[in-house]
Amino acid sequence: MEQDKSKLIMLVDLLEDRQAKQEELQYYEQCLQDLMERMALVRREIKLTESIIHVIKNEKAEVVADFIKKKEESRILDF
C-alpha cells in the first residue's frame, strides 16, 4: 500500500513537471516569435538605411561629376 502511494506521488510529480515544462516551452516559443518579428523589422530598417546611403553616394557622385564638368567647361576658351 505504501509503495502504491509512492508511485502515485511520483506520477503526480511527473505530471506537474510536464505541465510546468509545457508552459515554459510555450513562453519561450512566444519569446522566439516576438524576437523573430523584431529581427525582421530591424532587417527592413537596415535595408532602408543602406538604400538611403546608396542614393546619397550616387547623388554625391553626380554632384561631383557635374562640378568637374562645369569646371572643365569654364576652362575651354571660345574663339
N, C-alpha and C. Protein backbone atom coordinates (compact mmCIF):
# COMPACT_ATOMS: atom_id res chain seq x y z
N MET A 1 0.82 -1.19 0.00
CA MET A 1 0.00 0.00 0.00
C MET A 1 0.86 1.26 0.00
N GLU A 2 1.88 1.28 0.83
CA GLU A 2 2.80 2.43 0.89
C GLU A 2 3.51 2.63 -0.44
N GLN A 3 3.83 1.55 -1.10
CA GLN A 3 4.50 1.62 -2.40
C GLN A 3 3.57 2.22 -3.45
N ASP A 4 2.30 1.89 -3.40
CA ASP A 4 1.33 2.46 -4.33
C ASP A 4 1.20 3.96 -4.14
N LYS A 5 1.22 4.42 -2.88
CA LYS A 5 1.18 5.85 -2.59
C LYS A 5 2.42 6.54 -3.18
N SER A 6 3.54 5.89 -3.01
CA SER A 6 4.80 6.44 -3.52
C SER A 6 4.75 6.57 -5.03
N LYS A 7 4.23 5.56 -5.70
CA LYS A 7 4.10 5.60 -7.16
C LYS A 7 3.13 6.69 -7.58
N LEU A 8 2.06 6.82 -6.83
CA LEU A 8 1.06 7.84 -7.13
C LEU A 8 1.66 9.23 -6.97
N ILE A 9 2.41 9.43 -5.92
CA ILE A 9 3.05 10.73 -5.68
C ILE A 9 4.05 11.02 -6.80
N MET A 10 4.82 10.02 -7.19
CA MET A 10 5.79 10.21 -8.27
C MET A 10 5.08 10.55 -9.57
N LEU A 11 3.97 9.90 -9.85
CA LEU A 11 3.21 10.18 -11.07
C LEU A 11 2.65 11.60 -11.04
N VAL A 12 2.13 12.01 -9.92
CA VAL A 12 1.61 13.38 -9.78
C VAL A 12 2.75 14.38 -9.99
N ASP A 13 3.90 14.12 -9.40
CA ASP A 13 5.07 15.00 -9.57
C ASP A 13 5.48 15.08 -11.03
N LEU A 14 5.49 13.95 -11.70
CA LEU A 14 5.86 13.92 -13.12
C LEU A 14 4.86 14.70 -13.97
N LEU A 15 3.59 14.53 -13.67
CA LEU A 15 2.56 15.27 -14.40
C LEU A 15 2.69 16.78 -14.18
N GLU A 16 2.97 17.17 -12.96
CA GLU A 16 3.17 18.59 -12.66
C GLU A 16 4.42 19.13 -13.36
N ASP A 17 5.48 18.35 -13.35
CA ASP A 17 6.71 18.75 -14.05
C ASP A 17 6.46 18.91 -15.54
N ARG A 18 5.73 17.95 -16.11
CA ARG A 18 5.42 18.03 -17.53
C ARG A 18 4.62 19.29 -17.84
N GLN A 19 3.64 19.58 -17.03
CA GLN A 19 2.81 20.77 -17.24
C GLN A 19 3.67 22.04 -17.14
N ALA A 20 4.53 22.08 -16.16
CA ALA A 20 5.41 23.24 -15.99
C ALA A 20 6.33 23.40 -17.20
N LYS A 21 6.87 22.31 -17.68
CA LYS A 21 7.76 22.36 -18.85
C LYS A 21 7.00 22.77 -20.11
N GLN A 22 5.77 22.32 -20.25
CA GLN A 22 4.95 22.73 -21.40
C GLN A 22 4.68 24.23 -21.36
N GLU A 23 4.39 24.75 -20.18
CA GLU A 23 4.16 26.19 -20.03
C GLU A 23 5.44 26.98 -20.31
N GLU A 24 6.56 26.45 -19.83
CA GLU A 24 7.85 27.09 -20.09
C GLU A 24 8.15 27.11 -21.59
N LEU A 25 7.90 26.00 -22.24
CA LEU A 25 8.11 25.91 -23.68
C LEU A 25 7.22 26.90 -24.42
N GLN A 26 5.98 27.00 -24.02
CA GLN A 26 5.06 27.94 -24.64
C GLN A 26 5.56 29.38 -24.47
N TYR A 27 6.07 29.69 -23.29
CA TYR A 27 6.62 31.02 -23.04
C TYR A 27 7.80 31.31 -23.98
N TYR A 28 8.72 30.36 -24.09
CA TYR A 28 9.89 30.55 -24.94
C TYR A 28 9.51 30.61 -26.43
N GLU A 29 8.50 29.85 -26.82
CA GLU A 29 8.03 29.93 -28.21
C GLU A 29 7.49 31.31 -28.52
N GLN A 30 6.77 31.90 -27.56
CA GLN A 30 6.25 33.26 -27.75
C GLN A 30 7.38 34.27 -27.80
N CYS A 31 8.37 34.11 -26.91
CA CYS A 31 9.54 34.99 -26.93
C CYS A 31 10.26 34.89 -28.27
N LEU A 32 10.42 33.68 -28.76
CA LEU A 32 11.09 33.47 -30.05
C LEU A 32 10.31 34.15 -31.17
N GLN A 33 9.00 34.00 -31.16
CA GLN A 33 8.17 34.64 -32.18
C GLN A 33 8.33 36.16 -32.13
N ASP A 34 8.32 36.72 -30.93
CA ASP A 34 8.50 38.17 -30.77
C ASP A 34 9.86 38.60 -31.29
N LEU A 35 10.89 37.83 -30.98
CA LEU A 35 12.24 38.15 -31.44
C LEU A 35 12.35 38.04 -32.95
N MET A 36 11.72 37.04 -33.53
CA MET A 36 11.76 36.87 -34.98
C MET A 36 11.10 38.07 -35.68
N GLU A 37 9.97 38.53 -35.13
CA GLU A 37 9.30 39.69 -35.70
C GLU A 37 10.18 40.93 -35.57
N ARG A 38 10.83 41.09 -34.43
CA ARG A 38 11.72 42.24 -34.22
C ARG A 38 12.92 42.17 -35.17
N MET A 39 13.46 40.97 -35.34
CA MET A 39 14.58 40.80 -36.26
C MET A 39 14.19 41.19 -37.68
N ALA A 40 13.01 40.79 -38.10
CA ALA A 40 12.53 41.12 -39.44
C ALA A 40 12.41 42.64 -39.59
N LEU A 41 11.90 43.30 -38.57
CA LEU A 41 11.77 44.76 -38.59
C LEU A 41 13.14 45.42 -38.68
N VAL A 42 14.08 44.95 -37.89
CA VAL A 42 15.43 45.53 -37.90
C VAL A 42 16.10 45.29 -39.26
N ARG A 43 15.90 44.12 -39.84
CA ARG A 43 16.46 43.85 -41.17
C ARG A 43 15.90 44.82 -42.21
N ARG A 44 14.58 45.07 -42.16
CA ARG A 44 13.97 46.03 -43.08
C ARG A 44 14.54 47.43 -42.87
N GLU A 45 14.76 47.81 -41.61
CA GLU A 45 15.33 49.11 -41.32
C GLU A 45 16.76 49.21 -41.85
N ILE A 46 17.52 48.14 -41.73
CA ILE A 46 18.90 48.12 -42.25
C ILE A 46 18.88 48.28 -43.77
N LYS A 47 18.00 47.55 -44.44
CA LYS A 47 17.90 47.65 -45.91
C LYS A 47 17.52 49.07 -46.33
N LEU A 48 16.58 49.67 -45.60
CA LEU A 48 16.18 51.04 -45.90
C LEU A 48 17.35 51.99 -45.72
N THR A 49 18.08 51.85 -44.64
CA THR A 49 19.25 52.69 -44.38
C THR A 49 20.30 52.52 -45.47
N GLU A 50 20.53 51.27 -45.88
CA GLU A 50 21.51 51.01 -46.94
C GLU A 50 21.05 51.64 -48.25
N SER A 51 19.76 51.60 -48.52
CA SER A 51 19.23 52.22 -49.74
C SER A 51 19.43 53.73 -49.70
N ILE A 52 19.18 54.34 -48.56
CA ILE A 52 19.38 55.78 -48.42
C ILE A 52 20.85 56.13 -48.61
N ILE A 53 21.74 55.36 -48.01
CA ILE A 53 23.18 55.59 -48.16
C ILE A 53 23.57 55.49 -49.63
N HIS A 54 23.05 54.48 -50.32
CA HIS A 54 23.36 54.28 -51.74
C HIS A 54 22.89 55.49 -52.56
N VAL A 55 21.68 55.96 -52.28
CA VAL A 55 21.16 57.12 -53.00
C VAL A 55 22.03 58.34 -52.75
N ILE A 56 22.41 58.55 -51.50
CA ILE A 56 23.25 59.71 -51.15
C ILE A 56 24.60 59.62 -51.85
N LYS A 57 25.20 58.44 -51.84
CA LYS A 57 26.51 58.27 -52.50
C LYS A 57 26.39 58.55 -54.00
N ASN A 58 25.35 58.01 -54.63
CA ASN A 58 25.17 58.24 -56.06
C ASN A 58 24.90 59.70 -56.35
N GLU A 59 24.10 60.33 -55.52
CA GLU A 59 23.80 61.74 -55.71
C GLU A 59 25.08 62.56 -55.55
N LYS A 60 25.88 62.22 -54.57
CA LYS A 60 27.15 62.92 -54.34
C LYS A 60 28.07 62.74 -55.55
N ALA A 61 28.10 61.55 -56.10
CA ALA A 61 28.93 61.29 -57.27
C ALA A 61 28.45 62.13 -58.45
N GLU A 62 27.13 62.24 -58.60
CA GLU A 62 26.59 63.05 -59.69
C GLU A 62 26.91 64.52 -59.48
N VAL A 63 26.84 65.00 -58.26
CA VAL A 63 27.16 66.40 -57.95
C VAL A 63 28.63 66.67 -58.26
N VAL A 64 29.50 65.76 -57.87
CA VAL A 64 30.93 65.93 -58.14
C VAL A 64 31.18 65.89 -59.65
N ALA A 65 30.54 64.97 -60.35
CA ALA A 65 30.71 64.88 -61.80
C ALA A 65 30.24 66.16 -62.47
N ASP A 66 29.10 66.70 -62.05
CA ASP A 66 28.61 67.96 -62.60
C ASP A 66 29.59 69.10 -62.31
N PHE A 67 30.13 69.14 -61.12
CA PHE A 67 31.08 70.16 -60.74
C PHE A 67 32.32 70.10 -61.63
N ILE A 68 32.84 68.89 -61.83
CA ILE A 68 34.03 68.71 -62.68
C ILE A 68 33.71 69.13 -64.11
N LYS A 69 32.57 68.74 -64.60
CA LYS A 69 32.18 69.09 -65.96
C LYS A 69 32.09 70.61 -66.11
N LYS A 70 31.50 71.29 -65.16
CA LYS A 70 31.39 72.75 -65.22
C LYS A 70 32.76 73.40 -65.15
N LYS A 71 33.63 72.86 -64.33
CA LYS A 71 35.00 73.42 -64.24
C LYS A 71 35.72 73.25 -65.57
N GLU A 72 35.57 72.07 -66.18
CA GLU A 72 36.22 71.83 -67.47
C GLU A 72 35.66 72.74 -68.54
N GLU A 73 34.35 72.94 -68.51
CA GLU A 73 33.71 73.82 -69.50
C GLU A 73 34.17 75.26 -69.32
N SER A 74 34.41 75.65 -68.09
CA SER A 74 34.85 77.04 -67.86
C SER A 74 36.29 77.26 -68.30
N ARG A 75 37.05 76.22 -68.46
CA ARG A 75 38.45 76.33 -68.90
C ARG A 75 38.57 76.39 -70.43
N ILE A 76 37.52 75.98 -71.10
CA ILE A 76 37.55 75.98 -72.57
C ILE A 76 37.36 77.41 -73.06
N LEU A 77 38.24 77.83 -73.92
CA LEU A 77 38.16 79.17 -74.48
C LEU A 77 37.40 79.12 -75.81
N ASP A 78 36.41 79.95 -75.90
CA ASP A 78 35.66 80.03 -77.15
C ASP A 78 36.28 81.13 -78.01
N PHE A 79 36.55 80.80 -79.26
CA PHE A 79 37.13 81.79 -80.19
C PHE A 79 36.13 82.23 -81.19
